[in-house]
């Protein structure tokens, strides 16, 4: 999983957001989020695959920023959109989704 931040502060993911990458993603995000504003925008359009660990990470981020900020998901692929819908996480993340 590759994670980059563009000049506007949007965090871009490229690769698979699955249990085998989640520890690395979490540690990378932790250091990025310490320096970020309270409104975090994610671009998941480069995510090819997501599993329950990835969905739980997104929900955890939403809950972290819910009280004093906001999490926004700017984009995701149709496949990820289908998984969000089928899993029920689309409802849990509805405030963050485009």
PDB file of N, CA and C in Angstrom:
ATOM      1  N   UNK A   1       0.847  -1.168   0.000  1.00  0.00           N
ATOM      2  CA  UNK A   1       0.000   0.000   0.000  1.00  0.00           C
ATOM      3  C   UNK A   1       0.892   1.230   0.000  1.00  0.00           C
ATOM      4  N   UNK A   2       0.613   2.120  -0.911  1.00  0.00           N
ATOM      5  CA  UNK A   2       1.345   3.381  -1.000  1.00  0.00           C
ATOM      6  C   UNK A   2       0.418   4.501  -0.542  1.00  0.00           C
ATOM      7  N   UNK A   3       0.922   5.355   0.329  1.00  0.00           N
ATOM      8  CA  UNK A   3       0.150   6.480   0.849  1.00  0.00           C
ATOM      9  C   UNK A   3       0.948   7.752   0.595  1.00  0.00           C
ATOM     10  N   UNK A   4       0.309   8.708  -0.077  1.00  0.00           N
ATOM     11  CA  UNK A   4       0.948   9.987  -0.364  1.00  0.00           C
ATOM     12  C   UNK A   4      -0.009  11.112   0.003  1.00  0.00           C
ATOM     13  N   UNK A   5       0.565  12.291   0.197  1.00  0.00           N
ATOM     14  CA  UNK A   5      -0.228  13.482   0.490  1.00  0.00           C
ATOM     15  C   UNK A   5       0.084  14.507  -0.582  1.00  0.00           C
ATOM     16  N   UNK A   6      -0.980  15.056  -1.212  1.00  0.00           N
ATOM     17  CA  UNK A   6      -0.741  16.060  -2.249  1.00  0.00           C
ATOM     18  C   UNK A   6      -0.620  17.453  -1.637  1.00  0.00           C
ATOM     19  N   UNK A   7      -0.417  18.449  -2.469  1.00  0.00           N
ATOM     20  CA  UNK A   7      -0.184  19.815  -1.991  1.00  0.00           C
ATOM     21  C   UNK A   7      -1.390  20.429  -1.294  1.00  0.00           C
ATOM     22  N   UNK A   8      -2.575  19.867  -1.505  1.00  0.00           N
ATOM     23  CA  UNK A   8      -3.780  20.379  -0.836  1.00  0.00           C
ATOM     24  C   UNK A   8      -4.082  19.640   0.464  1.00  0.00           C
ATOM     25  N   UNK A   9      -3.255  18.638   0.792  1.00  0.00           N
ATOM     26  CA  UNK A   9      -3.445  17.893   2.029  1.00  0.00           C
ATOM     27  C   UNK A   9      -4.285  16.639   1.889  1.00  0.00           C
ATOM     28  N   UNK A  10      -4.725  16.318   0.682  1.00  0.00           N
ATOM     29  CA  UNK A  10      -5.512  15.105   0.460  1.00  0.00           C
ATOM     30  C   UNK A  10      -4.589  13.898   0.556  1.00  0.00           C
ATOM     31  N   UNK A  11      -5.022  12.888   1.310  1.00  0.00           N
ATOM     32  CA  UNK A  11      -4.248  11.661   1.482  1.00  0.00           C
ATOM     33  C   UNK A  11      -4.721  10.652   0.441  1.00  0.00           C
ATOM     34  N   UNK A  12      -3.788  10.214  -0.414  1.00  0.00           N
ATOM     35  CA  UNK A  12      -4.094   9.285  -1.501  1.00  0.00           C
ATOM     36  C   UNK A  12      -3.588   7.886  -1.156  1.00  0.00           C
ATOM     37  N   UNK A  13      -4.444   6.904  -1.372  1.00  0.00           N
ATOM     38  CA  UNK A  13      -4.090   5.506  -1.158  1.00  0.00           C
ATOM     39  C   UNK A  13      -3.975   4.818  -2.512  1.00  0.00           C
ATOM     40  N   UNK A  14      -2.968   3.963  -2.652  1.00  0.00           N
ATOM     41  CA  UNK A  14      -2.819   3.179  -3.872  1.00  0.00           C
ATOM     42  C   UNK A  14      -2.385   1.772  -3.484  1.00  0.00           C
ATOM     43  N   UNK A  15      -3.200   0.797  -3.858  1.00  0.00           N
ATOM     44  CA  UNK A  15      -2.898  -0.597  -3.531  1.00  0.00           C
ATOM     45  C   UNK A  15      -4.083  -1.250  -2.869  1.00  0.00           C
ATOM     46  N   UNK A  16      -3.795  -2.178  -1.988  1.00  0.00           N
ATOM     47  CA  UNK A  16      -4.842  -2.943  -1.306  1.00  0.00           C
ATOM     48  C   UNK A  16      -4.914  -2.550   0.166  1.00  0.00           C
ATOM     49  N   UNK A  17      -6.105  -2.250   0.613  1.00  0.00           N
ATOM     50  CA  UNK A  17      -6.345  -1.892   2.013  1.00  0.00           C
ATOM     51  C   UNK A  17      -6.931  -3.120   2.699  1.00  0.00           C
ATOM     52  N   UNK A  18      -6.032  -4.053   3.004  1.00  0.00           N
ATOM     53  CA  UNK A  18      -6.427  -5.353   3.535  1.00  0.00           C
ATOM     54  C   UNK A  18      -5.614  -5.674   4.785  1.00  0.00           C
ATOM     55  N   UNK A  19      -6.005  -6.752   5.452  1.00  0.00           N
ATOM     56  CA  UNK A  19      -5.405  -7.097   6.737  1.00  0.00           C
ATOM     57  C   UNK A  19      -3.875  -7.177   6.675  1.00  0.00           C
ATOM     58  N   UNK A  20      -3.310  -7.635   5.568  1.00  0.00           N
ATOM     59  CA  UNK A  20      -1.850  -7.764   5.482  1.00  0.00           C
ATOM     60  C   UNK A  20      -1.132  -6.415   5.363  1.00  0.00           C
ATOM     61  N   UNK A  21      -1.852  -5.350   5.027  1.00  0.00           N
ATOM     62  CA  UNK A  21      -1.230  -4.026   4.903  1.00  0.00           C
ATOM     63  C   UNK A  21      -1.669  -3.065   5.994  1.00  0.00           C
ATOM     64  N   UNK A  22      -2.632  -3.457   6.793  1.00  0.00           N
ATOM     65  CA  UNK A  22      -3.284  -2.512   7.704  1.00  0.00           C
ATOM     66  C   UNK A  22      -2.335  -1.970   8.771  1.00  0.00           C
ATOM     67  N   UNK A  23      -1.425  -2.773   9.282  1.00  0.00           N
ATOM     68  CA  UNK A  23      -0.494  -2.288  10.304  1.00  0.00           C
ATOM     69  C   UNK A  23       0.393  -1.176   9.742  1.00  0.00           C
ATOM     70  N   UNK A  24       0.905  -1.374   8.542  1.00  0.00           N
ATOM     71  CA  UNK A  24       1.732  -0.367   7.889  1.00  0.00           C
ATOM     72  C   UNK A  24       0.914   0.890   7.592  1.00  0.00           C
ATOM     73  N   UNK A  25      -0.306   0.708   7.099  1.00  0.00           N
ATOM     74  CA  UNK A  25      -1.191   1.847   6.803  1.00  0.00           C
ATOM     75  C   UNK A  25      -1.468   2.627   8.075  1.00  0.00           C
ATOM     76  N   UNK A  26      -1.782   1.930   9.139  1.00  0.00           N
ATOM     77  CA  UNK A  26      -2.101   2.592  10.411  1.00  0.00           C
ATOM     78  C   UNK A  26      -0.926   3.416  10.918  1.00  0.00           C
ATOM     79  N   UNK A  27       0.267   2.853  10.890  1.00  0.00           N
ATOM     80  CA  UNK A  27       1.427   3.603  11.397  1.00  0.00           C
ATOM     81  C   UNK A  27       1.748   4.796  10.502  1.00  0.00           C
ATOM     82  N   UNK A  28       1.608   4.634   9.194  1.00  0.00           N
ATOM     83  CA  UNK A  28       1.837   5.757   8.278  1.00  0.00           C
ATOM     84  C   UNK A  28       0.801   6.849   8.506  1.00  0.00           C
ATOM     85  N   UNK A  29      -0.459   6.461   8.623  1.00  0.00           N
ATOM     86  CA  UNK A  29      -1.519   7.447   8.855  1.00  0.00           C
ATOM     87  C   UNK A  29      -1.349   8.160  10.183  1.00  0.00           C
ATOM     88  N   UNK A  30      -0.941   7.433  11.184  1.00  0.00           N
ATOM     89  CA  UNK A  30      -0.770   8.033  12.510  1.00  0.00           C
ATOM     90  C   UNK A  30       0.188   9.221  12.449  1.00  0.00           C
ATOM     91  N   UNK A  31       1.316   9.049  11.766  1.00  0.00           N
ATOM     92  CA  UNK A  31       2.272  10.156  11.674  1.00  0.00           C
ATOM     93  C   UNK A  31       1.743  11.278  10.781  1.00  0.00           C
ATOM     94  N   UNK A  32       1.025  10.939   9.724  1.00  0.00           N
ATOM     95  CA  UNK A  32       0.452  11.974   8.848  1.00  0.00           C
ATOM     96  C   UNK A  32      -0.639  12.770   9.565  1.00  0.00           C
ATOM     97  N   UNK A  33      -1.475  12.083  10.314  1.00  0.00           N
ATOM     98  CA  UNK A  33      -2.610  12.743  10.951  1.00  0.00           C
ATOM     99  C   UNK A  33      -2.196  13.626  12.120  1.00  0.00           C
ATOM    100  N   UNK A  34      -1.051  13.338  12.723  1.00  0.00           N
ATOM    101  CA  UNK A  34      -0.557  14.195  13.796  1.00  0.00           C
ATOM    102  C   UNK A  34      -0.257  15.599  13.284  1.00  0.00           C
ATOM    103  N   UNK A  35       0.106  15.700  11.997  1.00  0.00           N
ATOM    104  CA  UNK A  35       0.469  16.988  11.398  1.00  0.00           C
ATOM    105  C   UNK A  35      -0.677  17.612  10.614  1.00  0.00           C
ATOM    106  N   UNK A  36      -1.804  16.936  10.521  1.00  0.00           N
ATOM    107  CA  UNK A  36      -2.883  17.426   9.660  1.00  0.00           C
ATOM    108  C   UNK A  36      -3.878  18.292  10.432  1.00  0.00           C
ATOM    109  N   UNK A  37      -4.742  18.918   9.667  1.00  0.00           N
ATOM    110  CA  UNK A  37      -5.821  19.699  10.271  1.00  0.00           C
ATOM    111  C   UNK A  37      -6.884  18.736  10.792  1.00  0.00           C
ATOM    112  N   UNK A  38      -7.907  19.256  11.368  1.00  0.00           N
ATOM    113  CA  UNK A  38      -8.976  18.416  11.910  1.00  0.00           C
ATOM    114  C   UNK A  38      -9.959  17.963  10.835  1.00  0.00           C
ATOM    115  N   UNK A  39      -9.795  18.420   9.613  1.00  0.00           N
ATOM    116  CA  UNK A  39     -10.588  17.916   8.494  1.00  0.00           C
ATOM    117  C   UNK A  39      -9.641  17.126   7.606  1.00  0.00           C
ATOM    118  N   UNK A  40      -9.888  15.834   7.497  1.00  0.00           N
ATOM    119  CA  UNK A  40      -9.021  14.937   6.744  1.00  0.00           C
ATOM    120  C   UNK A  40      -9.784  14.441   5.523  1.00  0.00           C
ATOM    121  N   UNK A  41      -9.147  14.553   4.366  1.00  0.00           N
ATOM    122  CA  UNK A  41      -9.750  14.098   3.120  1.00  0.00           C
ATOM    123  C   UNK A  41      -8.932  12.949   2.560  1.00  0.00           C
ATOM    124  N   UNK A  42      -9.627  11.847   2.265  1.00  0.00           N
ATOM    125  CA  UNK A  42      -8.991  10.662   1.711  1.00  0.00           C
ATOM    126  C   UNK A  42      -9.427  10.475   0.264  1.00  0.00           C
ATOM    127  N   UNK A  43      -8.506  10.040  -0.565  1.00  0.00           N
ATOM    128  CA  UNK A  43      -8.817   9.656  -1.935  1.00  0.00           C
ATOM    129  C   UNK A  43      -8.510   8.167  -2.053  1.00  0.00           C
ATOM    130  N   UNK A  44      -9.574   7.371  -2.193  1.00  0.00           N
ATOM    131  CA  UNK A  44      -9.426   5.919  -2.266  1.00  0.00           C
ATOM    132  C   UNK A  44      -9.550   5.405  -3.690  1.00  0.00           C
ATOM    133  N   UNK A  45      -9.456   6.297  -4.677  1.00  0.00           N
ATOM    134  CA  UNK A  45      -9.640   5.865  -6.064  1.00  0.00           C
ATOM    135  C   UNK A  45      -8.553   4.901  -6.525  1.00  0.00           C
ATOM    136  N   UNK A  46      -7.418   4.871  -5.850  1.00  0.00           N
ATOM    137  CA  UNK A  46      -6.341   3.948  -6.194  1.00  0.00           C
ATOM    138  C   UNK A  46      -6.372   2.647  -5.415  1.00  0.00           C
ATOM    139  N   UNK A  47      -7.409   2.447  -4.595  1.00  0.00           N
ATOM    140  CA  UNK A  47      -7.518   1.211  -3.824  1.00  0.00           C
ATOM    141  C   UNK A  47      -8.180   0.142  -4.692  1.00  0.00           C
ATOM    142  N   UNK A  48      -7.479  -0.970  -4.865  1.00  0.00           N
ATOM    143  CA  UNK A  48      -7.982  -2.067  -5.690  1.00  0.00           C
ATOM    144  C   UNK A  48      -8.846  -3.042  -4.910  1.00  0.00           C
ATOM    145  N   UNK A  49      -8.481  -3.250  -3.652  1.00  0.00           N
ATOM    146  CA  UNK A  49      -9.159  -4.248  -2.831  1.00  0.00           C
ATOM    147  C   UNK A  49      -9.245  -3.728  -1.404  1.00  0.00           C
ATOM    148  N   UNK A  50     -10.367  -4.018  -0.745  1.00  0.00           N
ATOM    149  CA  UNK A  50     -10.539  -3.651   0.654  1.00  0.00           C
ATOM    150  C   UNK A  50     -11.240  -4.807   1.354  1.00  0.00           C
ATOM    151  N   UNK A  51     -10.829  -5.103   2.570  1.00  0.00           N
ATOM    152  CA  UNK A  51     -11.496  -6.143   3.346  1.00  0.00           C
ATOM    153  C   UNK A  51     -12.006  -5.539   4.655  1.00  0.00           C
ATOM    154  N   UNK A  52     -12.457  -6.372   5.553  1.00  0.00           N
ATOM    155  CA  UNK A  52     -13.052  -5.889   6.799  1.00  0.00           C
ATOM    156  C   UNK A  52     -12.053  -5.056   7.606  1.00  0.00           C
ATOM    157  N   UNK A  53     -10.778  -5.400   7.563  1.00  0.00           N
ATOM    158  CA  UNK A  53      -9.775  -4.613   8.296  1.00  0.00           C
ATOM    159  C   UNK A  53      -9.685  -3.195   7.738  1.00  0.00           C
ATOM    160  N   UNK A  54      -9.723  -3.053   6.418  1.00  0.00           N
ATOM    161  CA  UNK A  54      -9.702  -1.735   5.791  1.00  0.00           C
ATOM    162  C   UNK A  54     -10.960  -0.947   6.092  1.00  0.00           C
ATOM    163  N   UNK A  55     -12.101  -1.616   6.058  1.00  0.00           N
ATOM    164  CA  UNK A  55     -13.364  -0.952   6.377  1.00  0.00           C
ATOM    165  C   UNK A  55     -13.378  -0.485   7.827  1.00  0.00           C
ATOM    166  N   UNK A  56     -12.872  -1.323   8.720  1.00  0.00           N
ATOM    167  CA  UNK A  56     -12.818  -0.942  10.131  1.00  0.00           C
ATOM    168  C   UNK A  56     -11.882   0.244  10.353  1.00  0.00           C
ATOM    169  N   UNK A  57     -10.789   0.296   9.611  1.00  0.00           N
ATOM    170  CA  UNK A  57      -9.871   1.435   9.718  1.00  0.00           C
ATOM    171  C   UNK A  57     -10.582   2.722   9.297  1.00  0.00           C
ATOM    172  N   UNK A  58     -11.314   2.681   8.187  1.00  0.00           N
ATOM    173  CA  UNK A  58     -12.052   3.872   7.739  1.00  0.00           C
ATOM    174  C   UNK A  58     -13.078   4.301   8.777  1.00  0.00           C
ATOM    175  N   UNK A  59     -13.786   3.350   9.350  1.00  0.00           N
ATOM    176  CA  UNK A  59     -14.789   3.675  10.369  1.00  0.00           C
ATOM    177  C   UNK A  59     -14.117   4.251  11.617  1.00  0.00           C
ATOM    178  N   UNK A  60     -12.990   3.686  11.997  1.00  0.00           N
ATOM    179  CA  UNK A  60     -12.250   4.190  13.150  1.00  0.00           C
ATOM    180  C   UNK A  60     -11.797   5.631  12.927  1.00  0.00           C
ATOM    181  N   UNK A  61     -11.322   5.925  11.725  1.00  0.00           N
ATOM    182  CA  UNK A  61     -10.932   7.301  11.391  1.00  0.00           C
ATOM    183  C   UNK A  61     -12.125   8.241  11.480  1.00  0.00           C
ATOM    184  N   UNK A  62     -13.258   7.791  10.958  1.00  0.00           N
ATOM    185  CA  UNK A  62     -14.474   8.613  11.026  1.00  0.00           C
ATOM    186  C   UNK A  62     -14.825   8.920  12.477  1.00  0.00           C
ATOM    187  N   UNK A  63     -14.793   7.906  13.324  1.00  0.00           N
ATOM    188  CA  UNK A  63     -15.139   8.104  14.732  1.00  0.00           C
ATOM    189  C   UNK A  63     -14.130   9.012  15.431  1.00  0.00           C
ATOM    190  N   UNK A  64     -12.871   8.915  15.074  1.00  0.00           N
ATOM    191  CA  UNK A  64     -11.829   9.753  15.672  1.00  0.00           C
ATOM    192  C   UNK A  64     -12.074  11.222  15.374  1.00  0.00           C
ATOM    193  N   UNK A  65     -12.470  11.529  14.144  1.00  0.00           N
ATOM    194  CA  UNK A  65     -12.635  12.918  13.743  1.00  0.00           C
ATOM    195  C   UNK A  65     -14.062  13.427  13.896  1.00  0.00           C
ATOM    196  N   UNK A  66     -14.976  12.573  14.299  1.00  0.00           N
ATOM    197  CA  UNK A  66     -16.383  12.955  14.380  1.00  0.00           C
ATOM    198  C   UNK A  66     -16.651  14.050  15.413  1.00  0.00           C
ATOM    199  N   UNK A  67     -16.010  13.985  16.550  1.00  0.00           N
ATOM    200  CA  UNK A  67     -16.312  14.942  17.609  1.00  0.00           C
ATOM    201  C   UNK A  67     -15.646  16.299  17.419  1.00  0.00           C
ATOM    202  N   UNK A  68     -14.473  16.320  16.807  1.00  0.00           N
ATOM    203  CA  UNK A  68     -13.747  17.580  16.685  1.00  0.00           C
ATOM    204  C   UNK A  68     -13.103  17.711  15.314  1.00  0.00           C
ATOM    205  N   UNK A  69     -13.898  17.560  14.282  1.00  0.00           N
ATOM    206  CA  UNK A  69     -13.365  17.644  12.930  1.00  0.00           C
ATOM    207  C   UNK A  69     -14.250  16.883  11.969  1.00  0.00           C
ATOM    208  N   UNK A  70     -13.641  16.413  10.902  1.00  0.00           N
ATOM    209  CA  UNK A  70     -14.414  15.665   9.915  1.00  0.00           C
ATOM    210  C   UNK A  70     -13.492  14.805   9.067  1.00  0.00           C
ATOM    211  N   UNK A  71     -14.029  13.672   8.653  1.00  0.00           N
ATOM    212  CA  UNK A  71     -13.358  12.809   7.697  1.00  0.00           C
ATOM    213  C   UNK A  71     -14.157  12.859   6.412  1.00  0.00           C
ATOM    214  N   UNK A  72     -13.488  13.094   5.310  1.00  0.00           N
ATOM    215  CA  UNK A  72     -14.117  13.127   3.998  1.00  0.00           C
ATOM    216  C   UNK A  72     -13.423  12.114   3.100  1.00  0.00           C
ATOM    217  N   UNK A  73     -14.206  11.347   2.388  1.00  0.00           N
ATOM    218  CA  UNK A  73     -13.676  10.445   1.373  1.00  0.00           C
ATOM    219  C   UNK A  73     -14.055  11.054   0.041  1.00  0.00           C
ATOM    220  N   UNK A  74     -13.055  11.523  -0.686  1.00  0.00           N
ATOM    221  CA  UNK A  74     -13.280  12.274  -1.917  1.00  0.00           C
ATOM    222  C   UNK A  74     -13.648  11.381  -3.086  1.00  0.00           C
ATOM    223  N   UNK A  75     -13.019  10.237  -3.191  1.00  0.00           N
ATOM    224  CA  UNK A  75     -13.247   9.374  -4.343  1.00  0.00           C
ATOM    225  C   UNK A  75     -12.921   7.929  -3.990  1.00  0.00           C
ATOM    226  N   UNK A  76     -13.593   7.020  -4.676  1.00  0.00           N
ATOM    227  CA  UNK A  76     -13.294   5.595  -4.572  1.00  0.00           C
ATOM    228  C   UNK A  76     -13.742   4.930  -5.858  1.00  0.00           C
ATOM    229  N   UNK A  77     -13.187   3.756  -6.121  1.00  0.00           N
ATOM    230  CA  UNK A  77     -13.514   3.039  -7.348  1.00  0.00           C
ATOM    231  C   UNK A  77     -14.902   2.414  -7.228  1.00  0.00           C
ATOM    232  N   UNK A  78     -15.516   2.055  -8.365  1.00  0.00           N
ATOM    233  CA  UNK A  78     -16.825   1.387  -8.324  1.00  0.00           C
ATOM    234  C   UNK A  78     -16.786   0.092  -7.504  1.00  0.00           C
ATOM    235  N   UNK A  79     -15.688  -0.635  -7.584  1.00  0.00           N
ATOM    236  CA  UNK A  79     -15.569  -1.881  -6.816  1.00  0.00           C
ATOM    237  C   UNK A  79     -15.621  -1.602  -5.318  1.00  0.00           C
ATOM    238  N   UNK A  80     -14.899  -0.587  -4.878  1.00  0.00           N
ATOM    239  CA  UNK A  80     -14.898  -0.226  -3.455  1.00  0.00           C
ATOM    240  C   UNK A  80     -16.279   0.281  -3.059  1.00  0.00           C
ATOM    241  N   UNK A  81     -16.930   1.027  -3.936  1.00  0.00           N
ATOM    242  CA  UNK A  81     -18.295   1.482  -3.672  1.00  0.00           C
ATOM    243  C   UNK A  81     -19.251   0.323  -3.485  1.00  0.00           C
ATOM    244  N   UNK A  82     -19.115  -0.711  -4.307  1.00  0.00           N
ATOM    245  CA  UNK A  82     -19.951  -1.904  -4.173  1.00  0.00           C
ATOM    246  C   UNK A  82     -19.718  -2.594  -2.834  1.00  0.00           C
ATOM    247  N   UNK A  83     -18.458  -2.681  -2.423  1.00  0.00           N
ATOM    248  CA  UNK A  83     -18.132  -3.321  -1.146  1.00  0.00           C
ATOM    249  C   UNK A  83     -18.677  -2.499   0.018  1.00  0.00           C
ATOM    250  N   UNK A  84     -18.554  -1.179  -0.061  1.00  0.00           N
ATOM    251  CA  UNK A  84     -19.114  -0.322   0.995  1.00  0.00           C
ATOM    252  C   UNK A  84     -20.616  -0.541   1.122  1.00  0.00           C
ATOM    253  N   UNK A  85     -21.295  -0.628  -0.009  1.00  0.00           N
ATOM    254  CA  UNK A  85     -22.739  -0.829   0.005  1.00  0.00           C
ATOM    255  C   UNK A  85     -23.132  -2.195   0.527  1.00  0.00           C
ATOM    256  N   UNK A  86     -22.485  -3.236   0.043  1.00  0.00           N
ATOM    257  CA  UNK A  86     -22.830  -4.607   0.426  1.00  0.00           C
ATOM    258  C   UNK A  86     -22.503  -4.903   1.888  1.00  0.00           C
ATOM    259  N   UNK A  87     -21.468  -4.276   2.408  1.00  0.00           N
ATOM    260  CA  UNK A  87     -21.031  -4.549   3.779  1.00  0.00           C
ATOM    261  C   UNK A  87     -21.816  -3.766   4.827  1.00  0.00           C
ATOM    262  N   UNK A  88     -22.513  -2.726   4.404  1.00  0.00           N
ATOM    263  CA  UNK A  88     -23.199  -1.863   5.365  1.00  0.00           C
ATOM    264  C   UNK A  88     -22.333  -0.705   5.843  1.00  0.00           C
ATOM    265  N   UNK A  89     -21.054  -0.716   5.531  1.00  0.00           N
ATOM    266  CA  UNK A  89     -20.174   0.369   5.950  1.00  0.00           C
ATOM    267  C   UNK A  89     -20.489   1.664   5.200  1.00  0.00           C
ATOM    268  N   UNK A  90     -21.133   1.559   4.057  1.00  0.00           N
ATOM    269  CA  UNK A  90     -21.549   2.761   3.331  1.00  0.00           C
ATOM    270  C   UNK A  90     -22.495   3.602   4.166  1.00  0.00           C
ATOM    271  N   UNK A  91     -23.365   2.924   4.916  1.00  0.00           N
ATOM    272  CA  UNK A  91     -24.298   3.630   5.802  1.00  0.00           C
ATOM    273  C   UNK A  91     -23.539   4.240   6.980  1.00  0.00           C
ATOM    274  N   UNK A  92     -22.628   3.468   7.552  1.00  0.00           N
ATOM    275  CA  UNK A  92     -21.853   3.953   8.696  1.00  0.00           C
ATOM    276  C   UNK A  92     -20.953   5.126   8.330  1.00  0.00           C
ATOM    277  N   UNK A  93     -20.529   5.183   7.066  1.00  0.00           N
ATOM    278  CA  UNK A  93     -19.616   6.227   6.622  1.00  0.00           C
ATOM    279  C   UNK A  93     -20.304   7.299   5.782  1.00  0.00           C
ATOM    280  N   UNK A  94     -21.631   7.291   5.742  1.00  0.00           N
ATOM    281  CA  UNK A  94     -22.359   8.141   4.801  1.00  0.00           C
ATOM    282  C   UNK A  94     -22.000   9.626   4.881  1.00  0.00           C
ATOM    283  N   UNK A  95     -21.704  10.144   6.067  1.00  0.00           N
ATOM    284  CA  UNK A  95     -21.338  11.552   6.179  1.00  0.00           C
ATOM    285  C   UNK A  95     -20.008  11.837   5.521  1.00  0.00           C
ATOM    286  N   UNK A  96     -19.162  10.829   5.399  1.00  0.00           N
ATOM    287  CA  UNK A  96     -17.825  11.019   4.842  1.00  0.00           C
ATOM    288  C   UNK A  96     -17.791  10.810   3.325  1.00  0.00           C
ATOM    289  N   UNK A  97     -18.798  10.158   2.789  1.00  0.00           N
ATOM    290  CA  UNK A  97     -18.761   9.775   1.371  1.00  0.00           C
ATOM    291  C   UNK A  97     -19.226  10.896   0.460  1.00  0.00           C
ATOM    292  N   UNK A  98     -18.715  10.881  -0.797  1.00  0.00           N
ATOM    293  CA  UNK A  98     -19.127  11.913  -1.756  1.00  0.00           C
ATOM    294  C   UNK A  98     -20.575  11.741  -2.190  1.00  0.00           C
TER     295      UNK A  98
END
